[in-house]
Protein backbone atom coordinates (compact mmCIF):
# COMPACT_ATOMS: atom_id res chain seq x y z
CA MET A 1 88.70 19.85 185.60
CA THR A 2 85.73 17.95 187.11
CA PRO A 3 83.35 15.73 184.58
CA LYS A 4 80.62 18.55 184.39
CA GLN A 5 82.78 20.95 182.93
CA ILE A 6 84.71 18.12 180.54
CA ASP A 7 81.72 17.02 179.41
CA ARG A 8 80.51 20.93 178.74
CA MET A 9 83.43 21.86 176.60
CA THR A 10 82.92 18.44 174.69
CA GLN A 11 79.25 19.17 174.59
CA HIS A 12 81.02 22.80 172.69
CA LEU A 13 83.15 21.20 170.23
CA GLN A 14 81.04 18.89 168.87
CA ASN A 15 78.57 22.07 168.08
CA LEU A 16 81.94 24.07 166.50
CA LEU A 17 82.27 21.16 164.48
CA CYS A 18 78.93 20.54 163.47
CA ALA A 19 78.69 23.71 162.56
CA VAL A 20 81.51 24.39 160.34
CA ILE A 21 80.08 20.76 158.63
CA ALA A 22 76.63 22.62 157.93
CA ASP A 23 78.47 26.29 156.26
CA ALA A 24 82.21 25.97 156.43
CA GLN A 25 81.92 30.06 155.61
CA GLN A 26 80.02 31.38 158.31
CA PRO A 27 81.85 33.75 160.62
CA VAL A 28 82.62 32.17 163.59
CA ALA A 29 80.56 34.58 165.25
CA ARG A 30 77.80 33.41 164.67
CA VAL A 31 78.50 29.62 165.60
CA GLU A 32 76.45 28.61 168.68
CA LEU A 33 78.42 26.69 171.20
CA LEU A 34 75.62 26.21 173.56
CA SER A 35 73.09 24.09 173.49
CA SER A 36 69.55 25.81 173.97
CA GLU A 37 69.43 24.12 177.79
CA GLU A 38 72.68 25.65 178.38
CA ARG A 39 71.63 28.38 177.21
CA ALA A 40 68.65 28.77 179.32
CA TYR A 41 70.24 27.75 181.93
CA LEU A 42 72.30 31.17 181.79
CA LEU A 43 70.22 33.45 180.72
CA GLU A 44 67.42 32.34 182.40
CA GLU A 45 67.81 29.95 185.47
CA LEU A 46 70.76 31.69 186.72
CA ASN A 47 68.81 35.44 186.40
CA ARG A 48 65.27 34.34 188.16
CA THR A 49 66.25 36.29 191.54
CA ALA A 50 62.82 37.74 192.36
CA ALA A 51 62.75 37.50 195.90
CA PRO A 52 60.31 38.98 198.29
CA TYR A 53 60.82 42.92 198.80
CA PRO A 54 59.22 44.71 201.84
CA SER A 55 58.06 47.58 199.64
CA GLU A 56 56.07 49.31 202.47
CA ARG A 57 59.28 49.99 204.03
CA CYS A 58 61.39 53.30 203.81
CA ILE A 59 65.29 53.39 202.94
CA HIS A 60 66.24 54.30 205.99
CA GLU A 61 64.60 51.08 207.60
CA LEU A 62 66.21 48.97 206.13
CA PHE A 63 69.50 49.96 207.23
CA GLU A 64 68.30 50.19 209.94
CA ALA A 65 66.93 46.96 210.41
CA GLN A 66 70.55 45.92 209.13
CA VAL A 67 72.23 48.20 212.16
CA ARG A 68 69.85 46.02 214.75
CA GLN A 69 71.04 42.38 212.71
CA ALA A 70 75.18 43.64 212.90
CA PRO A 71 75.95 47.01 214.84
CA ASP A 72 79.42 46.29 214.94
CA ALA A 73 80.05 45.36 211.18
CA MET A 74 82.47 48.04 209.30
CA ALA A 75 79.47 49.99 207.56
CA VAL A 76 81.50 53.64 206.11
CA THR A 77 85.52 53.11 205.33
CA TYR A 78 87.28 56.57 203.86
CA ALA A 79 91.43 57.43 203.91
CA ASP A 80 91.08 56.89 207.47
CA ASP A 81 88.07 56.72 209.07
CA ARG A 82 85.91 53.69 210.41
CA LEU A 83 82.36 53.66 211.55
CA SER A 84 80.31 50.91 212.40
CA TYR A 85 76.74 50.08 211.17
CA GLY A 86 75.89 51.28 214.99
CA GLU A 87 78.09 54.36 215.33
CA LEU A 88 76.99 55.48 211.48
CA ASN A 89 73.35 55.38 212.73
CA ALA A 90 73.73 56.94 215.98
CA ARG A 91 75.52 60.00 213.96
CA ALA A 92 72.77 59.86 211.71
CA ASN A 93 69.88 60.06 213.85
CA ARG A 94 71.26 63.16 215.89
CA LEU A 95 71.48 64.78 212.82
CA ALA A 96 67.76 63.65 212.34
CA HIS A 97 66.68 64.81 215.03
CA HIS A 98 68.25 68.02 214.35
CA LEU A 99 66.99 68.72 211.42
CA ILE A 100 62.72 67.52 212.93
CA ALA A 101 63.85 70.52 214.72
CA LEU A 102 64.47 72.92 211.88
CA GLY A 103 60.99 72.03 210.70
CA VAL A 104 61.75 68.95 207.76
CA ARG A 105 59.03 66.83 206.89
CA PRO A 106 57.81 64.20 205.12
CA ASP A 107 58.45 64.87 200.76
CA GLN A 108 60.68 68.61 201.85
CA PRO A 109 63.25 68.70 199.58
CA VAL A 110 66.88 69.18 201.86
CA ALA A 111 70.10 70.27 199.70
CA ILE A 112 73.55 68.80 200.41
CA CYS A 113 76.61 70.04 199.34
CA LEU A 114 79.96 67.92 200.52
CA GLN A 115 83.19 66.34 199.39
CA ARG A 116 82.82 63.19 199.51
CA SER A 117 83.53 61.69 203.20
CA PRO A 118 81.39 59.64 205.61
CA ALA A 119 79.48 63.02 206.66
CA MET A 120 77.71 62.83 203.43
CA VAL A 121 76.50 59.44 204.23
CA VAL A 122 75.16 60.63 207.88
CA GLY A 123 73.78 63.87 206.14
CA LEU A 124 72.22 61.86 203.05
CA LEU A 125 70.39 59.14 205.53
CA ALA A 126 69.33 61.92 208.64
CA ILE A 127 67.31 63.83 205.71
CA LEU A 128 65.60 60.39 204.77
CA LYS A 129 65.43 59.65 208.39
CA ALA A 130 63.64 63.64 209.32
CA GLY A 131 61.58 62.40 206.09
CA GLY A 132 63.16 64.66 203.72
CA ALA A 133 64.52 64.58 200.20
CA TYR A 134 67.78 64.84 199.59
CA LEU A 135 69.19 66.97 196.50
CA PRO A 136 72.41 66.52 195.95
CA LEU A 137 74.67 69.60 194.83
CA ASP A 138 78.64 68.69 193.75
CA PRO A 139 80.62 72.04 195.38
CA ALA A 140 82.80 71.45 191.95
CA HIS A 141 79.69 72.61 189.79
CA PRO A 142 79.59 76.05 188.92
CA PRO A 143 77.76 78.87 190.45
CA ALA A 144 75.29 79.36 187.98
CA ARG A 145 74.15 75.99 187.83
CA LEU A 146 73.99 75.76 192.29
CA ARG A 147 71.73 78.66 191.72
CA GLN A 148 69.78 77.59 189.01
CA VAL A 149 69.24 74.27 190.86
CA LEU A 150 68.99 75.90 194.05
CA LYS A 151 65.86 77.84 192.75
CA ASP A 152 64.55 75.28 191.25
CA ALA A 153 64.15 72.95 193.95
CA ALA A 154 63.50 75.47 196.43
CA PRO A 155 65.34 73.72 199.66
CA GLN A 156 64.87 75.97 202.65
CA LEU A 157 67.88 73.98 204.40
CA VAL A 158 71.61 73.35 202.83
CA LEU A 159 73.72 70.19 204.58
CA ALA A 160 77.31 71.54 203.87
CA ASP A 161 81.43 71.41 204.53
CA ALA A 162 83.88 73.90 203.63
CA ALA A 163 84.44 72.72 200.67
CA GLY A 164 80.24 73.45 199.81
CA ARG A 165 79.98 76.41 201.85
CA ALA A 166 82.71 78.22 199.90
CA ALA A 167 80.83 76.64 196.97
CA LEU A 168 77.26 78.72 197.91
CA GLY A 169 79.61 81.19 198.67
CA ASP A 170 78.95 83.09 195.84
CA VAL A 171 74.86 81.38 194.65
CA GLY A 172 73.34 84.27 195.90
CA VAL A 173 70.62 82.25 196.83
CA ASP A 174 68.87 82.84 200.15
CA VAL A 175 69.08 79.35 202.16
CA ARG A 176 69.29 78.16 205.28
CA VAL A 177 72.76 76.27 205.71
CA VAL A 178 73.92 73.51 208.17
CA ASP A 179 77.62 72.94 209.00
CA LEU A 180 78.44 69.56 209.29
CA ALA A 181 82.45 70.42 210.28
CA THR A 182 81.45 72.33 212.78
CA ALA A 183 83.96 71.19 215.42
CA THR A 184 80.39 71.56 218.24
CA PRO A 185 77.58 70.73 216.61
CA PRO A 186 74.23 72.02 218.24
CA TRP A 187 72.96 68.08 217.51
CA ALA A 188 75.32 66.54 219.32
CA ASN A 189 73.74 66.15 222.55
CA LEU A 190 70.62 65.12 220.84
CA PRO A 191 69.43 60.80 221.24
CA GLY A 192 70.68 58.55 219.14
CA SER A 193 67.72 56.92 218.82
CA ASP A 194 66.10 56.13 215.52
CA PRO A 195 62.89 58.87 214.48
CA ASP A 196 59.74 57.25 215.11
CA VAL A 197 58.53 57.08 211.37
CA ARG A 198 54.82 57.05 212.74
CA ALA A 199 54.76 60.36 214.40
CA LEU A 200 56.52 61.72 211.33
CA GLY A 201 53.85 60.23 209.70
CA LEU A 202 56.02 58.62 206.95
CA THR A 203 53.74 55.25 207.35
CA GLU A 204 50.64 57.40 205.54
CA LYS A 205 51.52 56.16 202.18
CA GLN A 206 53.44 52.83 202.39
CA GLY A 207 56.97 53.91 202.21
CA HIS A 208 55.94 56.30 198.63
CA TYR A 209 57.43 59.55 200.05
CA LEU A 210 60.49 61.23 197.87
CA ALA A 211 63.55 60.39 198.56
CA PHE A 212 65.99 62.50 196.30
CA ILE A 213 65.64 65.09 194.05
CA HIS A 214 67.68 65.78 190.80
CA THR A 215 68.49 67.87 188.13
CA TYR A 216 69.41 66.69 184.68
CA SER A 217 70.51 68.10 181.28
CA TYR A 218 68.43 69.23 178.33
CA MET A 219 71.24 69.96 175.15
CA PHE A 220 69.29 73.60 175.24
CA GLY A 221 67.62 74.90 177.57
CA GLN A 222 67.05 75.27 181.48
CA PRO A 223 67.61 72.36 183.89
CA PRO A 224 64.20 71.05 185.20
CA ALA A 225 64.64 69.29 188.89
CA GLU A 226 62.37 65.78 188.97
CA ALA A 227 62.00 63.88 191.88
CA ASP A 228 62.08 59.98 192.63
CA ILE A 229 60.21 57.68 195.41
CA GLN A 230 61.78 56.03 197.74
CA ARG A 231 62.84 53.14 195.55
CA HIS A 232 63.61 54.60 192.38
CA PHE A 233 66.62 55.71 190.47
CA ARG A 234 67.47 57.32 187.58
CA VAL A 235 70.78 57.85 185.30
CA SER A 236 73.22 60.94 186.17
CA PRO A 237 73.23 63.88 184.37
CA PRO A 238 76.42 64.28 181.68
CA THR A 239 79.18 65.96 182.53
CA VAL A 240 80.81 69.35 180.83
CA HIS A 241 82.83 66.34 179.40
CA GLN A 242 80.74 63.88 178.27
CA MET A 243 78.98 66.89 176.25
CA ILE A 244 82.37 68.27 174.84
CA VAL A 245 83.27 65.12 173.16
CA THR A 246 79.08 64.64 171.86
CA LEU A 247 79.37 68.08 170.66
CA GLU A 248 82.76 67.44 168.58
CA ARG A 249 82.03 63.84 167.43
CA ASN A 250 78.94 65.67 165.49
CA GLY A 251 81.30 68.10 164.42
CA PHE A 252 80.63 70.51 166.18
CA ILE A 253 83.27 72.03 167.44
CA ARG A 254 86.74 73.20 165.67
CA ARG A 255 90.00 72.67 167.63
CA GLN A 256 92.08 75.63 167.28
CA PRO A 257 95.61 74.98 165.94
CA GLY A 258 98.73 75.96 168.32
CA VAL A 259 95.73 76.66 170.96
CA PRO A 260 95.99 72.95 173.64
CA ARG A 261 93.28 74.83 175.33
CA SER A 262 90.99 76.60 173.02
CA ILE A 263 87.89 75.43 171.22
CA GLU A 264 85.17 77.12 168.63
CA ILE A 265 81.81 76.10 169.49
CA LEU A 266 79.53 75.69 166.05
CA LEU A 267 76.31 76.60 167.19
CA PRO A 268 73.46 79.22 166.88
CA PRO A 269 73.24 82.56 169.33
CA GLU A 270 69.92 81.24 170.85
CA ASN A 271 71.51 77.73 171.72
CA LEU A 272 74.78 79.76 173.70
CA PRO A 273 72.98 79.95 176.84
CA ILE A 274 73.34 76.21 177.85
CA LEU A 275 77.73 76.84 177.37
CA GLU A 276 77.06 79.73 180.26
CA TRP A 277 74.66 77.21 182.73
CA LEU A 278 77.70 74.78 182.36
CA GLY A 279 79.91 77.24 182.99
CA ILE A 280 81.82 77.03 179.70
CA LYS A 281 83.54 80.74 178.74
CA THR A 282 82.24 82.13 176.06
CA SER A 283 84.93 84.78 173.79
CA LYS A 284 82.06 85.33 170.63
CA SER A 285 78.88 83.79 169.76
CA LEU A 286 78.33 82.26 166.51
């Protein structure tokens, strides 16, 4: 141990002894081992992390700056796939040029429905580079939820892989699908250079453009869509499992003895549509 560490531990022991002498009955959790100076150092000095930030630049521009700085550094690893910053940027740029040709413009929503893979990262970057706002869709969600999200946000395009196409097959919403899993993508021979942010009009509002659109769940009713600008992020909606746990803790769920996968949800009939929207099948209304 260093002399500073020894001095600090000695001070902590002294503080403990002084606290015991002052009140031997007080709980240990209330004993202040840290001095006011050490507490201020740990909680304030070490947390002064404010730094100049190029707030006028978009997220993908910051990524492009990293590409120029270290193009050969590893950016994405997934299973046996490896993509450097340069490779990732080039793939995203080709797809971005294709999206621009399809009519994607700043603040326009573009849905993306893929399993987790490097293609998802390429797709997200491409949407941002084209000026669009990405709308994440989970291929594992039930068709009713996907249908509601697509109707609410009204994207003109959906980037999808095989799982995404299968999930969207039963949705019944008229939207153009860009297949990222195709063996010969039409954007394969497009330029790998960064799209011009000025030509796209992304400099007019100093980076205050939509980056993504998400839906969140109310306990009852339909999920409204909400858009966030480039630098803002929010908490993800609760999963069905989390909602079931919450309902059970508050006495709204009764499990049937001897039937492991069967439960009774004790809600008024007018509140049951939320369960259908979440993909939960009900046998009767209470």
